[in-house]
Amino acid sequence: MSSFEPTAISRSRPPDLVSGYRLEKLVGAGGMGEVHKATQLSLGRTVAVKLLNPELAKDPSFIARFQKEAAALATLSHPHVVAIVDKGKTDTTYYLVMEFVDGPSLRELMRSPSMETPVLLRRMLEICRAIEYAHGRGVIHRDLKPENILLDQQAGGIAKVSDFGLASFLDDATAASRFALTSTHMSMGTISYMAPEQRVDAKSADARADIFSLGVILYETFTGEVPLGTFDPPSRKRAGLDPRVDAIVMRCLKPDPDDRYPSVTALIADLEPLVPGSLLSMPPLRLTRWQRAKASMRRAARVTAQTAAGVTVLAAVGVLGVAYHRSGRCTCSRRCRAPP
């Protein structure tokens, strides 16, 4: 899990800092805080614990942003969105507990020159489906970038969107008032991935701002560059890329929100036909050695149970046969005229 770039705030934490969880390893750090790989003691499962920087934990606006991320994640339950497990407060800071995604970020995937185009298209489709779902639940991400997209190796490398700390709520006035982090004419997010209107006034940015960010990510995924100023279509920079991707990217990146796709659903309708059919189904899960061993033991147990059941049936049939021959007559029916 690598949502954060390393900074000077990275440091070891006592393993019992968060009650009920044992911190195992620091896996990421940034301006907001740290992410640790941890064990949930009650279930013995691996999770990710996100700690707010103790200094920021004294600032109501950062506390609100942290709580807002928890509220957004609690609203969402989707295969391509990182799931929240718990949240709470220690003596010095606040924390979120999320599923642990054992894999690199999309940023790291982009650096792999061997990654095939169809697989990258599949990952982009998964990201779009996650955002389509979030928008349907009234949540706008507002900070989409490669660092906030993780690839779950245990699930076949599928993409999972994380870090909803800057999310806004479209329809829930109560949530919007509880977690109001932006005022008029304030921009929030990462400049290179922000829509023009979001740079001017994040509060007024709607779902189409996420569509602009998706366009930037789509372009960068295939070219390794962020589309700034005048730029070449992606198919000219990546051999073998379907030229239809160019039109999708250019529509996402329109400066005027009204000229972009009206929804992520419409974007998916254009993107999905470019993904080979063999890649549209879910990939098989990649099991750990322990999981494979347990599966083998379960199969062996089933075979043993079936064998035992078969032996029991044969034994019962044998007992009935002996009883029949000893009785010397048929007991199957009163109408049976078989001689004794």
Protein backbone atom coordinates (compact mmCIF):
# COMPACT_ATOMS: atom_id res chain seq x y z
CA MET A 1 0.00 0.00 0.00
CA SER A 2 1.79 3.11 -1.17
CA SER A 3 -0.62 6.03 -1.16
CA PHE A 4 1.89 8.41 0.39
CA GLU A 5 5.30 9.66 -0.65
CA PRO A 6 7.94 9.27 2.10
CA THR A 7 8.61 12.38 4.16
CA ALA A 8 10.56 13.35 7.25
CA ILE A 9 7.63 12.52 9.52
CA SER A 10 8.16 8.80 8.96
CA ARG A 11 9.24 7.11 12.17
CA SER A 12 8.60 3.94 14.10
CA ARG A 13 5.48 3.65 16.21
CA PRO A 14 4.87 1.52 19.30
CA PRO A 15 3.08 -1.65 18.17
CA ASP A 16 0.29 -1.18 20.72
CA LEU A 17 -0.44 2.47 19.86
CA VAL A 18 -3.92 1.62 18.56
CA SER A 19 -5.97 -0.55 20.89
CA GLY A 20 -6.93 -3.86 19.29
CA TYR A 21 -4.29 -3.63 16.56
CA ARG A 22 -0.60 -4.47 16.41
CA LEU A 23 1.39 -2.20 14.09
CA GLU A 24 3.80 -4.34 12.08
CA LYS A 25 5.45 -2.17 9.46
CA LEU A 26 5.43 1.40 8.12
CA VAL A 27 4.38 1.18 4.46
CA GLY A 28 3.77 4.82 3.55
CA ALA A 29 3.98 8.36 4.84
CA GLY A 30 3.07 11.85 3.71
CA GLY A 31 1.88 15.26 4.75
CA MET A 32 -1.27 13.95 6.43
CA GLY A 33 0.31 11.10 8.35
CA GLU A 34 1.40 7.48 8.08
CA VAL A 35 0.06 4.13 6.92
CA HIS A 36 1.10 0.97 8.75
CA LYS A 37 0.62 -2.66 7.93
CA ALA A 38 -1.02 -4.07 11.07
CA THR A 39 -2.77 -7.09 12.55
CA GLN A 40 -6.32 -6.87 13.85
CA LEU A 41 -5.94 -8.89 17.05
CA SER A 42 -9.58 -9.96 17.39
CA LEU A 43 -9.60 -11.70 13.99
CA GLY A 44 -5.92 -12.19 13.30
CA ARG A 45 -6.21 -10.56 9.89
CA THR A 46 -3.90 -8.10 8.17
CA VAL A 47 -5.18 -4.52 7.83
CA ALA A 48 -3.83 -1.06 7.07
CA VAL A 49 -3.89 1.54 9.86
CA LYS A 50 -3.74 5.16 8.76
CA LEU A 51 -2.58 7.58 11.48
CA LEU A 52 -3.12 11.31 11.32
CA ASN A 53 0.05 13.30 12.03
CA PRO A 54 -0.21 14.20 15.78
CA GLU A 55 0.48 17.85 15.01
CA LEU A 56 -2.36 17.95 12.50
CA ALA A 57 -4.58 16.15 15.01
CA LYS A 58 -4.72 19.47 16.88
CA ASP A 59 -6.19 21.26 13.83
CA PRO A 60 -10.00 20.97 13.48
CA SER A 61 -9.83 21.26 9.67
CA PHE A 62 -7.50 18.27 9.34
CA ILE A 63 -9.55 16.28 11.84
CA ALA A 64 -12.61 17.04 9.70
CA ARG A 65 -10.80 15.89 6.56
CA PHE A 66 -9.81 12.63 8.28
CA GLN A 67 -13.35 12.02 9.47
CA LYS A 68 -14.67 12.90 6.05
CA GLU A 69 -12.57 10.17 4.47
CA ALA A 70 -14.04 7.67 6.93
CA ALA A 71 -17.56 8.87 6.13
CA ALA A 72 -16.96 8.58 2.37
CA LEU A 73 -15.48 5.07 2.64
CA ALA A 74 -18.31 3.96 4.92
CA THR A 75 -20.74 4.98 2.18
CA LEU A 76 -18.97 2.85 -0.42
CA SER A 77 -18.77 -0.92 -0.80
CA HIS A 78 -17.27 -1.87 -4.15
CA PRO A 79 -14.61 -4.35 -5.37
CA HIS A 80 -12.53 -1.47 -6.74
CA VAL A 81 -12.71 0.81 -3.68
CA VAL A 82 -10.55 0.25 -0.61
CA ALA A 83 -12.87 -0.85 2.21
CA ILE A 84 -12.91 0.75 5.66
CA VAL A 85 -12.84 -1.52 8.72
CA ASP A 86 -12.79 0.83 11.72
CA LYS A 87 -11.95 4.32 12.92
CA GLY A 88 -11.07 5.81 16.27
CA LYS A 89 -8.91 8.09 18.40
CA THR A 90 -5.83 7.50 20.56
CA ASP A 91 -4.38 9.79 23.22
CA THR A 92 -2.39 11.66 20.58
CA THR A 93 -4.09 11.26 17.22
CA TYR A 94 -6.90 9.81 15.07
CA TYR A 95 -6.79 6.66 12.99
CA LEU A 96 -8.58 4.81 10.20
CA VAL A 97 -8.39 1.05 9.71
CA MET A 98 -8.77 -0.16 6.12
CA GLU A 99 -8.31 -3.34 4.17
CA PHE A 100 -4.67 -3.97 3.41
CA VAL A 101 -3.97 -3.93 -0.32
CA ASP A 102 -0.86 -6.00 -0.93
CA GLY A 103 0.47 -4.49 -4.12
CA PRO A 104 1.96 -1.43 -5.82
CA SER A 105 0.27 1.81 -6.75
CA LEU A 106 -0.68 2.72 -10.31
CA ARG A 107 2.29 5.10 -10.24
CA GLU A 108 4.62 2.10 -9.85
CA LEU A 109 2.75 0.18 -12.54
CA MET A 110 3.28 3.06 -14.96
CA ARG A 111 7.03 2.70 -14.50
CA SER A 112 6.94 -0.89 -15.76
CA PRO A 113 7.73 -0.81 -19.50
CA SER A 114 6.66 -4.43 -19.91
CA MET A 115 3.02 -3.82 -18.92
CA GLU A 116 0.80 -4.72 -21.87
CA THR A 117 -1.71 -2.24 -23.28
CA PRO A 118 -4.80 -4.50 -22.83
CA VAL A 119 -3.99 -4.94 -19.14
CA LEU A 120 -3.61 -1.17 -18.68
CA LEU A 121 -6.96 -0.62 -20.41
CA ARG A 122 -8.52 -3.15 -18.05
CA ARG A 123 -7.12 -1.33 -15.01
CA MET A 124 -8.46 2.00 -16.27
CA LEU A 125 -11.88 0.43 -16.77
CA GLU A 126 -11.82 -0.83 -13.17
CA ILE A 127 -10.94 2.66 -11.91
CA CYS A 128 -13.77 4.17 -13.93
CA ARG A 129 -16.23 1.64 -12.52
CA ALA A 130 -15.16 2.54 -8.98
CA ILE A 131 -15.73 6.24 -9.64
CA GLU A 132 -19.02 5.54 -11.41
CA TYR A 133 -20.17 3.72 -8.29
CA ALA A 134 -18.94 6.49 -5.98
CA HIS A 135 -20.79 9.13 -8.02
CA GLY A 136 -23.91 6.98 -7.88
CA ARG A 137 -23.59 7.07 -4.09
CA GLY A 138 -23.21 10.84 -4.10
CA VAL A 139 -19.44 10.93 -3.48
CA ILE A 140 -16.96 12.89 -5.64
CA HIS A 141 -13.34 11.90 -5.08
CA ARG A 142 -11.62 15.19 -6.08
CA ASP A 143 -8.08 13.85 -5.62
CA LEU A 144 -7.69 11.13 -8.23
CA LYS A 145 -4.06 10.46 -9.11
CA PRO A 146 -1.87 7.37 -9.67
CA GLU A 147 -0.64 7.36 -6.04
CA ASN A 148 -4.24 6.95 -4.82
CA ILE A 149 -4.91 3.85 -6.92
CA LEU A 150 -3.60 0.56 -5.52
CA LEU A 151 -3.27 -2.81 -7.27
CA ASP A 152 -4.32 -5.84 -5.24
CA GLN A 153 -1.95 -8.68 -6.11
CA GLN A 154 -3.90 -11.22 -4.06
CA ALA A 155 -6.96 -10.50 -6.24
CA GLY A 156 -5.14 -10.76 -9.56
CA GLY A 157 -3.84 -7.20 -9.69
CA ILE A 158 -7.22 -5.46 -9.76
CA ALA A 159 -7.30 -1.71 -9.15
CA LYS A 160 -8.67 -0.21 -5.94
CA VAL A 161 -9.26 3.51 -5.43
CA SER A 162 -8.16 4.92 -2.08
CA ASP A 163 -7.72 8.22 -0.19
CA PHE A 164 -11.13 9.93 -0.14
CA GLY A 165 -9.88 12.65 2.21
CA LEU A 166 -10.89 15.45 -0.19
CA ALA A 167 -14.18 13.87 -1.22
CA SER A 168 -17.36 15.89 -1.40
CA PHE A 169 -20.95 14.73 -0.98
CA LEU A 170 -23.42 15.58 -3.74
CA ASP A 171 -26.80 14.94 -2.15
CA ASP A 172 -26.34 14.60 1.60
CA ALA A 173 -26.68 18.10 3.04
CA THR A 174 -26.04 16.84 6.57
CA ALA A 175 -22.77 15.19 5.62
CA ALA A 176 -21.77 18.21 3.54
CA SER A 177 -22.25 20.53 6.52
CA ARG A 178 -20.48 18.18 8.94
CA PHE A 179 -17.42 17.84 6.73
CA ALA A 180 -17.25 21.23 5.01
CA LEU A 181 -13.57 21.64 4.22
CA THR A 182 -13.62 24.03 1.29
CA SER A 183 -14.82 27.57 1.03
CA THR A 184 -15.61 29.49 -2.13
CA HIS A 185 -12.63 30.25 -4.39
CA MET A 186 -10.39 27.70 -2.66
CA SER A 187 -8.70 24.93 -4.64
CA MET A 188 -7.91 21.52 -3.16
CA GLY A 189 -6.24 18.52 -4.76
CA THR A 190 -3.14 17.87 -6.84
CA ILE A 191 -2.67 20.55 -9.50
CA SER A 192 -1.56 18.29 -12.36
CA TYR A 193 -4.72 16.19 -12.05
CA MET A 194 -7.23 18.92 -11.18
CA ALA A 195 -9.89 20.17 -13.57
CA PRO A 196 -9.65 23.90 -14.41
CA GLU A 197 -12.82 24.71 -12.46
CA GLN A 198 -11.52 22.80 -9.42
CA ARG A 199 -8.34 24.88 -9.42
CA VAL A 200 -10.45 28.02 -9.16
CA ASP A 201 -13.17 26.84 -6.78
CA ALA A 202 -13.15 23.29 -5.43
CA LYS A 203 -16.49 23.80 -3.69
CA SER A 204 -18.35 24.21 -6.98
CA ALA A 205 -16.61 21.30 -8.77
CA ASP A 206 -18.97 18.46 -9.58
CA ALA A 207 -18.58 14.88 -10.83
CA ARG A 208 -17.14 16.10 -14.13
CA ALA A 209 -14.00 17.21 -12.26
CA ASP A 210 -13.29 13.53 -11.56
CA ILE A 211 -13.78 12.81 -15.27
CA PHE A 212 -11.05 15.35 -16.08
CA SER A 213 -8.74 13.60 -13.58
CA LEU A 214 -9.52 10.24 -15.18
CA GLY A 215 -8.49 11.72 -18.53
CA VAL A 216 -5.15 12.84 -17.11
CA ILE A 217 -4.53 9.41 -15.56
CA LEU A 218 -5.56 7.66 -18.79
CA TYR A 219 -3.13 9.78 -20.81
CA GLU A 220 -0.29 9.34 -18.34
CA THR A 221 -0.86 5.59 -18.09
CA PHE A 222 -0.12 5.13 -21.79
CA THR A 223 2.47 7.85 -22.36
CA GLY A 224 4.26 8.30 -19.06
CA GLU A 225 3.59 12.04 -19.28
CA VAL A 226 1.02 14.43 -17.84
CA PRO A 227 -0.89 16.27 -20.61
CA LEU A 228 0.12 19.91 -20.20
CA GLY A 229 -0.27 22.67 -22.78
CA THR A 230 -0.10 21.28 -26.32
CA PHE A 231 0.36 17.52 -26.31
CA ASP A 232 0.29 14.68 -28.83
CA PRO A 233 -2.54 12.13 -28.80
CA PRO A 234 -1.57 9.06 -26.76
CA SER A 235 -1.70 6.69 -29.76
CA ARG A 236 1.19 8.64 -31.34
CA LYS A 237 3.33 8.06 -28.26
CA ARG A 238 2.48 4.40 -27.60
CA ALA A 239 2.79 1.89 -30.41
CA GLY A 240 -0.21 -0.36 -30.88
CA LEU A 241 -2.63 1.77 -28.85
CA ASP A 242 -6.09 1.93 -30.40
CA PRO A 243 -6.60 5.46 -31.84
CA ARG A 244 -10.08 5.49 -30.32
CA VAL A 245 -8.37 6.08 -26.98
CA ASP A 246 -7.34 9.51 -28.31
CA ALA A 247 -10.95 10.67 -28.63
CA ILE A 248 -11.79 9.40 -25.14
CA VAL A 249 -8.85 11.21 -23.57
CA MET A 250 -9.48 14.45 -25.45
CA ARG A 251 -13.13 14.52 -24.42
CA CYS A 252 -12.23 13.93 -20.75
CA LEU A 253 -9.71 16.80 -20.88
CA LYS A 254 -12.01 19.47 -22.30
CA PRO A 255 -11.50 22.71 -20.30
CA ASP A 256 -15.26 23.35 -20.19
CA PRO A 257 -17.07 20.75 -18.05
CA ASP A 258 -20.06 20.86 -20.41
CA ASP A 259 -17.87 19.53 -23.22
CA ARG A 260 -16.70 16.49 -21.27
CA TYR A 261 -18.54 13.22 -20.80
CA PRO A 262 -21.74 13.93 -18.89
CA SER A 263 -21.06 10.97 -16.60
CA VAL A 264 -18.52 8.24 -15.96
CA THR A 265 -21.12 5.79 -17.28
CA ALA A 266 -20.87 7.47 -20.69
CA LEU A 267 -17.06 7.28 -20.48
CA ILE A 268 -17.23 3.56 -19.69
CA ALA A 269 -19.51 3.00 -22.69
CA ASP A 270 -16.68 4.22 -24.95
CA LEU A 271 -13.82 2.60 -23.03
CA GLU A 272 -15.22 -0.88 -22.42
CA PRO A 273 -15.29 -1.98 -26.11
CA LEU A 274 -11.51 -1.40 -26.25
CA VAL A 275 -10.83 -3.97 -23.52
CA PRO A 276 -10.45 -7.54 -24.88
CA GLY A 277 -13.35 -9.74 -23.87
CA SER A 278 -11.03 -12.22 -22.19
CA LEU A 279 -9.99 -9.50 -19.73
CA LEU A 280 -13.49 -8.34 -18.78
CA SER A 281 -14.14 -11.22 -16.37
CA MET A 282 -12.64 -11.23 -12.91
CA PRO A 283 -9.17 -12.85 -12.76
CA PRO A 284 -8.63 -15.89 -10.53
CA LEU A 285 -7.48 -15.11 -7.02
CA ARG A 286 -3.80 -15.56 -6.30
CA LEU A 287 -3.63 -17.63 -3.12
CA THR A 288 -0.82 -17.54 -0.61
CA ARG A 289 1.09 -20.73 0.21
CA TRP A 290 -0.88 -21.10 3.44
CA GLN A 291 -4.19 -20.60 1.61
CA ARG A 292 -3.21 -23.24 -0.95
CA ALA A 293 -2.27 -25.64 1.87
CA LYS A 294 -5.62 -25.08 3.59
CA ALA A 295 -7.47 -25.65 0.31
CA SER A 296 -5.58 -28.94 -0.18
CA MET A 297 -6.47 -30.02 3.36
CA ARG A 298 -10.15 -29.21 2.75
CA ARG A 299 -10.14 -31.23 -0.49
CA ALA A 300 -8.48 -34.17 1.30
CA ALA A 301 -11.06 -33.96 4.09
CA ARG A 302 -13.92 -33.99 1.56
CA VAL A 303 -12.48 -37.03 -0.23
CA THR A 304 -12.05 -38.84 3.10
CA ALA A 305 -15.62 -38.00 4.13
CA GLN A 306 -17.03 -39.18 0.77
CA THR A 307 -15.04 -42.40 0.97
CA ALA A 308 -16.23 -43.04 4.50
CA ALA A 309 -19.83 -42.38 3.45
CA GLY A 310 -19.47 -44.85 0.56
CA VAL A 311 -18.07 -47.54 2.86
CA THR A 312 -20.94 -46.95 5.30
CA VAL A 313 -23.55 -47.40 2.54
CA LEU A 314 -21.90 -50.60 1.30
CA ALA A 315 -21.76 -51.94 4.83
CA ALA A 316 -25.45 -51.17 5.34
CA VAL A 317 -26.37 -52.92 2.09
CA GLY A 318 -24.34 -55.94 3.19
CA VAL A 319 -26.12 -56.08 6.54
CA LEU A 320 -29.53 -55.95 4.83
CA GLY A 321 -28.52 -58.73 2.44
CA VAL A 322 -27.44 -60.98 5.28
CA ALA A 323 -30.67 -60.26 7.15
CA TYR A 324 -32.71 -61.16 4.06
CA HIS A 325 -31.03 -64.48 3.51
CA ARG A 326 -31.31 -65.37 7.18
CA SER A 327 -35.04 -64.62 7.27
CA GLY A 328 -35.66 -66.82 4.21
CA ARG A 329 -38.54 -64.67 2.98
CA CYS A 330 -39.22 -61.38 1.27
CA THR A 331 -40.39 -58.54 3.53
CA CYS A 332 -40.69 -55.87 0.87
CA SER A 333 -44.52 -55.89 0.51
CA ARG A 334 -47.62 -57.75 1.65
CA ARG A 335 -48.58 -58.22 -2.02
CA CYS A 336 -45.33 -59.96 -2.85
CA ARG A 337 -46.16 -63.63 -3.65
CA ALA A 338 -42.59 -64.81 -3.65
CA PRO A 339 -42.46 -68.31 -2.08
CA PRO A 340 -40.74 -68.70 1.26
